Amino acid sequence: MSRHTPLGSERTLTVRGMRFRVIESRADDATETIVLIHGIGMSHRYFARLHHVLARSVRVVSLDLPGFGGLPKPGHDVTIEEMADAIRELVVAVSSRPVILVGHSMGVQWAVETAVRHPARIARVVAIGPVVDDAHRSLGAQARALAVDTLGETPATNVIVFSDYVRCGPRWYLRQAAHMLRYPTEDRVGSLTVPLLVLRGAKDPIAGAAWCDRLASSARDADIVAIPGRHHVVQRSAPDAVADSILEPTPGWRSGRPSESPRR
């Protein structure tokens, strides 16, 4: 059963014994579907502004993954590979055509793994604030980078972030963080056969400029965009700029050919 919310139609789906939340907005005559995947500890709530902007021109689906956003925790540990296979089933359930996967933070890892394992269902991948930057590849270093980032985010954004962390709880967060820290994002990006856009806030202390450049350089077909003056949760602080970067990519990566324009 679905219900109407300010973002659109909301329903829950059970895939592989795990409960997902699906929030869908359908733009008139939309031919593309964009699927938004939140990061560790989070929910669709910090994607709401981007969801609204994108929904003016494309079909948008925001996901809440199991154990996050108040959803039940799975009864077993869930690897990134298992989550990616479940996301593929959700993609099939919501769209008959390949979709654009947009992941933020750890959501980038789930999005990349889904595209590597199931490229026929994914048109391209957008990696916003990708982790884990090898400048701080430990839980303590990640916590310090997050603390620095809160100083640059608005109080409203910090309220969403920390209230979602509370809903997630420390046990499930730490179990997923172990996978996050071990996942070889740079290696898996190199296995992508679909175009990649790496997008960060120019002041993001979690996904640094050098790290994001290396990720883009590791991919077969990639572009990189930095949104001036923004931090890690750039999709909330600058939704219009992020939406423009997603919807109006360079001709090369929209078509799947190597981009002819320089990385920004």
Protein backbone atom coordinates (compact mmCIF):
# COMPACT_ATOMS: atom_id res chain seq x y z
CA MET A 1 0.00 0.00 0.00
CA SER A 2 1.31 3.48 -0.86
CA ARG A 3 0.61 6.85 0.73
CA HIS A 4 1.04 10.39 -0.50
CA THR A 5 3.79 12.55 1.02
CA PRO A 6 5.12 16.05 0.16
CA LEU A 7 7.75 14.34 -2.02
CA GLY A 8 5.33 12.01 -3.78
CA SER A 9 4.04 8.48 -3.46
CA GLU A 10 5.64 6.45 -0.65
CA ARG A 11 5.58 2.68 -0.21
CA THR A 12 7.68 -0.06 1.33
CA LEU A 13 9.03 -3.03 -0.58
CA THR A 14 10.58 -6.19 0.81
CA VAL A 15 13.54 -7.50 -1.17
CA ARG A 16 15.58 -10.52 -0.06
CA GLY A 17 13.89 -10.33 3.33
CA MET A 18 14.89 -6.68 3.83
CA ARG A 19 12.52 -3.71 4.05
CA PHE A 20 13.10 -0.69 1.77
CA ARG A 21 11.19 2.58 1.56
CA VAL A 22 10.52 3.98 -1.93
CA ILE A 23 9.43 7.61 -2.47
CA GLU A 24 8.54 8.41 -6.07
CA SER A 25 7.75 11.63 -7.95
CA ARG A 26 6.76 11.44 -11.60
CA ALA A 27 7.30 14.49 -13.81
CA ASP A 28 4.96 14.88 -16.77
CA ASP A 29 6.33 13.11 -19.86
CA ALA A 30 9.57 12.18 -18.08
CA THR A 31 11.72 9.76 -20.05
CA GLU A 32 14.53 9.36 -17.49
CA THR A 33 14.43 7.93 -13.97
CA ILE A 34 16.90 9.03 -11.29
CA VAL A 35 17.31 6.90 -8.16
CA LEU A 36 18.76 8.62 -5.06
CA ILE A 37 20.71 6.52 -2.54
CA HIS A 38 21.58 8.04 0.84
CA GLY A 39 24.75 7.47 2.83
CA ILE A 40 25.50 5.60 6.04
CA GLY A 41 23.21 6.49 8.93
CA MET A 42 21.03 8.68 6.76
CA SER A 43 17.65 8.64 4.99
CA HIS A 44 15.92 10.27 2.03
CA ARG A 45 15.28 13.40 4.11
CA TYR A 46 18.57 15.13 3.24
CA PHE A 47 17.84 14.47 -0.45
CA ALA A 48 14.42 16.17 -0.29
CA ARG A 49 15.50 19.49 -1.82
CA LEU A 50 17.35 17.78 -4.68
CA HIS A 51 14.43 15.41 -5.16
CA HIS A 52 12.07 18.38 -5.58
CA VAL A 53 14.31 20.14 -8.10
CA LEU A 54 14.94 17.03 -10.19
CA ALA A 55 11.24 16.10 -10.18
CA ARG A 56 10.46 19.18 -12.24
CA SER A 57 11.88 17.44 -15.31
CA VAL A 58 12.52 13.74 -14.60
CA ARG A 59 11.05 10.85 -12.64
CA VAL A 60 12.75 10.65 -9.24
CA VAL A 61 12.88 7.75 -6.81
CA SER A 62 14.39 8.24 -3.34
CA LEU A 63 15.28 5.10 -1.39
CA ASP A 64 15.61 4.40 2.30
CA LEU A 65 17.77 1.33 2.76
CA PRO A 66 17.09 -1.35 5.40
CA GLY A 67 18.12 -0.36 8.92
CA PHE A 68 18.08 3.36 8.06
CA GLY A 69 15.38 6.01 8.23
CA GLY A 70 13.50 4.10 10.94
CA LEU A 71 13.23 0.90 8.88
CA PRO A 72 13.75 -2.48 10.57
CA LYS A 73 17.31 -3.69 10.88
CA PRO A 74 18.00 -6.90 8.93
CA GLY A 75 18.59 -9.98 11.06
CA HIS A 76 22.02 -10.50 9.49
CA ASP A 77 25.02 -8.51 8.44
CA VAL A 78 24.50 -7.02 4.96
CA THR A 79 27.52 -6.61 2.73
CA ILE A 80 27.82 -3.93 0.07
CA GLU A 81 27.53 -6.66 -2.56
CA GLU A 82 24.28 -7.99 -1.10
CA MET A 83 22.84 -4.50 -0.83
CA ALA A 84 23.79 -3.82 -4.45
CA ASP A 85 21.97 -6.95 -5.63
CA ALA A 86 18.88 -5.86 -3.69
CA ILE A 87 19.08 -2.35 -5.17
CA ARG A 88 19.16 -3.92 -8.62
CA GLU A 89 15.87 -5.69 -7.84
CA LEU A 90 14.38 -2.39 -6.69
CA VAL A 91 15.53 -0.71 -9.90
CA VAL A 92 13.77 -3.41 -11.91
CA ALA A 93 10.63 -2.91 -9.80
CA VAL A 94 10.49 0.86 -10.35
CA SER A 95 11.67 1.21 -13.96
CA SER A 96 11.59 -0.83 -17.15
CA ARG A 97 14.53 1.19 -18.49
CA PRO A 98 18.08 1.78 -17.20
CA VAL A 99 18.23 4.44 -14.49
CA ILE A 100 20.67 7.07 -13.30
CA LEU A 101 21.97 6.07 -9.86
CA VAL A 102 22.91 8.99 -7.61
CA GLY A 103 24.69 8.05 -4.40
CA HIS A 104 25.94 10.28 -1.60
CA SER A 105 28.85 9.38 0.69
CA MET A 106 28.57 5.61 1.39
CA GLY A 107 25.63 5.64 -1.01
CA VAL A 108 28.28 6.04 -3.71
CA GLN A 109 29.68 2.63 -2.80
CA TRP A 110 26.26 0.98 -3.04
CA ALA A 111 25.61 2.76 -6.36
CA VAL A 112 28.99 1.87 -7.86
CA GLU A 113 28.71 -1.78 -6.83
CA THR A 114 25.20 -2.00 -8.29
CA ALA A 115 26.44 -0.57 -11.60
CA VAL A 116 29.49 -2.85 -11.71
CA ARG A 117 27.43 -5.97 -11.01
CA HIS A 118 24.36 -5.02 -13.08
CA PRO A 119 25.40 -2.56 -15.80
CA ALA A 120 22.45 -3.36 -18.07
CA ARG A 121 20.10 -1.73 -15.53
CA ILE A 122 22.17 1.44 -14.95
CA ALA A 123 22.59 4.27 -17.47
CA ARG A 124 25.19 6.17 -15.45
CA VAL A 125 26.37 6.83 -11.90
CA VAL A 126 26.65 10.13 -10.01
CA ALA A 127 28.98 10.00 -7.00
CA ILE A 128 28.33 12.89 -4.58
CA GLY A 129 30.92 13.27 -1.80
CA PRO A 130 32.32 9.75 -2.34
CA VAL A 131 34.00 7.79 0.45
CA VAL A 132 36.37 6.63 1.77
CA ASP A 133 39.06 9.24 1.10
CA ASP A 134 42.41 7.58 1.79
CA ALA A 135 43.47 10.73 3.67
CA HIS A 136 41.31 9.48 6.56
CA ARG A 137 40.55 5.80 6.08
CA SER A 138 39.69 4.92 9.67
CA LEU A 139 36.61 5.34 11.82
CA GLY A 140 38.30 7.94 14.01
CA ALA A 141 39.52 9.94 11.02
CA GLN A 142 36.07 9.80 9.45
CA ALA A 143 34.52 11.06 12.70
CA ARG A 144 36.97 13.97 12.80
CA ALA A 145 36.22 14.88 9.17
CA LEU A 146 32.49 14.73 9.91
CA ALA A 147 32.95 17.01 12.91
CA VAL A 148 34.78 19.54 10.73
CA ASP A 149 32.02 19.32 8.13
CA THR A 150 29.28 20.15 10.65
CA LEU A 151 30.89 23.58 11.12
CA GLY A 152 30.18 24.37 7.47
CA GLU A 153 26.66 22.97 7.25
CA THR A 154 23.54 24.85 8.32
CA PRO A 155 21.91 24.05 11.67
CA ALA A 156 18.90 22.60 9.81
CA THR A 157 21.13 20.21 7.88
CA ASN A 158 22.94 19.14 11.05
CA VAL A 159 19.60 18.44 12.74
CA ILE A 160 18.61 16.10 9.89
CA VAL A 161 22.00 14.36 9.91
CA PHE A 162 22.20 13.74 13.63
CA SER A 163 18.54 12.83 14.10
CA ASP A 164 18.93 10.24 11.34
CA TYR A 165 22.04 8.91 13.08
CA VAL A 166 19.97 8.48 16.24
CA ARG A 167 17.26 6.60 14.29
CA CYS A 168 19.90 4.35 12.78
CA GLY A 169 21.55 3.57 16.12
CA PRO A 170 25.22 2.81 16.83
CA ARG A 171 25.11 -0.96 16.32
CA TRP A 172 23.82 -0.93 12.73
CA TYR A 173 25.94 2.13 11.91
CA LEU A 174 29.14 0.45 13.06
CA ARG A 175 28.35 -2.80 11.25
CA GLN A 176 27.91 -0.89 7.99
CA ALA A 177 30.89 1.37 8.69
CA ALA A 178 33.13 -1.71 8.75
CA HIS A 179 32.06 -2.50 5.19
CA MET A 180 32.43 1.15 4.17
CA LEU A 181 36.03 1.34 5.38
CA ARG A 182 37.02 -1.90 3.64
CA TYR A 183 35.32 -1.28 0.31
CA PRO A 184 37.88 -0.51 -2.45
CA THR A 185 35.95 2.34 -4.06
CA GLU A 186 38.80 3.35 -6.38
CA ASP A 187 39.23 -0.22 -7.67
CA ARG A 188 35.51 -0.75 -8.24
CA VAL A 189 35.18 2.59 -10.03
CA GLY A 190 37.81 1.26 -12.43
CA SER A 191 35.49 -1.65 -13.23
CA LEU A 192 32.56 0.58 -14.22
CA THR A 193 31.38 0.23 -17.80
CA VAL A 194 28.89 3.12 -17.52
CA PRO A 195 29.75 6.85 -17.33
CA LEU A 196 30.57 8.37 -13.94
CA LEU A 197 30.16 11.90 -12.61
CA VAL A 198 32.10 12.67 -9.42
CA LEU A 199 30.54 15.67 -7.67
CA ARG A 200 31.63 17.35 -4.44
CA GLY A 201 31.27 20.55 -2.51
CA ALA A 202 34.51 22.46 -2.98
CA LYS A 203 34.88 22.74 0.83
CA ASP A 204 34.01 19.10 1.58
CA PRO A 205 36.47 17.80 4.22
CA ILE A 206 35.22 14.21 3.87
CA ALA A 207 35.64 13.77 0.11
CA GLY A 208 38.77 15.75 -0.67
CA ALA A 209 39.69 17.21 -4.05
CA ALA A 210 42.72 14.96 -4.65
CA TRP A 211 40.73 11.85 -3.73
CA CYS A 212 37.84 12.76 -6.04
CA ASP A 213 40.24 13.50 -8.87
CA ARG A 214 41.85 10.07 -8.45
CA LEU A 215 38.42 8.42 -8.54
CA ALA A 216 37.50 10.20 -11.75
CA SER A 217 40.89 9.31 -13.24
CA SER A 218 40.34 5.63 -12.35
CA ALA A 219 37.12 5.41 -14.36
CA ARG A 220 36.91 4.71 -18.08
CA ASP A 221 34.51 7.59 -18.72
CA ALA A 222 34.22 10.24 -16.03
CA ASP A 223 33.83 13.91 -15.31
CA ILE A 224 34.26 15.81 -12.07
CA VAL A 225 32.43 18.86 -10.74
CA ALA A 226 33.06 20.94 -7.61
CA ILE A 227 30.30 23.23 -6.33
CA PRO A 228 31.96 26.38 -4.94
CA GLY A 229 31.59 27.18 -1.26
CA ARG A 230 29.69 24.01 -0.34
CA HIS A 231 30.48 21.15 2.02
CA HIS A 232 29.66 17.43 2.24
CA VAL A 233 25.87 17.67 2.11
CA VAL A 234 26.04 19.69 -1.09
CA GLN A 235 22.83 18.16 -2.46
CA ARG A 236 20.92 19.97 0.31
CA SER A 237 22.87 23.24 0.40
CA ALA A 238 23.00 23.68 -3.40
CA PRO A 239 20.24 21.50 -4.92
CA ASP A 240 19.85 23.57 -8.09
CA ALA A 241 23.57 23.45 -8.93
CA VAL A 242 23.71 19.72 -8.21
CA ALA A 243 20.61 19.08 -10.32
CA ASP A 244 22.08 21.09 -13.20
CA SER A 245 25.26 19.00 -13.08
CA ILE A 246 23.25 15.78 -13.14
CA LEU A 247 20.77 16.79 -15.83
CA GLU A 248 23.17 18.68 -18.10
CA PRO A 249 26.36 16.60 -18.17
CA THR A 250 29.01 16.99 -20.83
CA PRO A 251 28.06 15.51 -24.23
CA GLY A 252 30.66 12.78 -23.78
CA TRP A 253 29.41 11.21 -20.60
CA ARG A 254 25.74 11.59 -21.49
CA SER A 255 26.31 9.49 -24.62
CA GLY A 256 28.76 7.09 -23.03
CA ARG A 257 31.72 8.40 -25.09
CA PRO A 258 34.85 9.77 -23.39
CA SER A 259 34.29 13.39 -22.45
CA GLU A 260 35.96 15.97 -24.68
CA SER A 261 35.61 18.73 -22.10
CA PRO A 262 38.20 19.19 -19.34
CA ARG A 263 37.45 18.13 -15.79
CA ARG A 264 36.37 21.04 -13.65
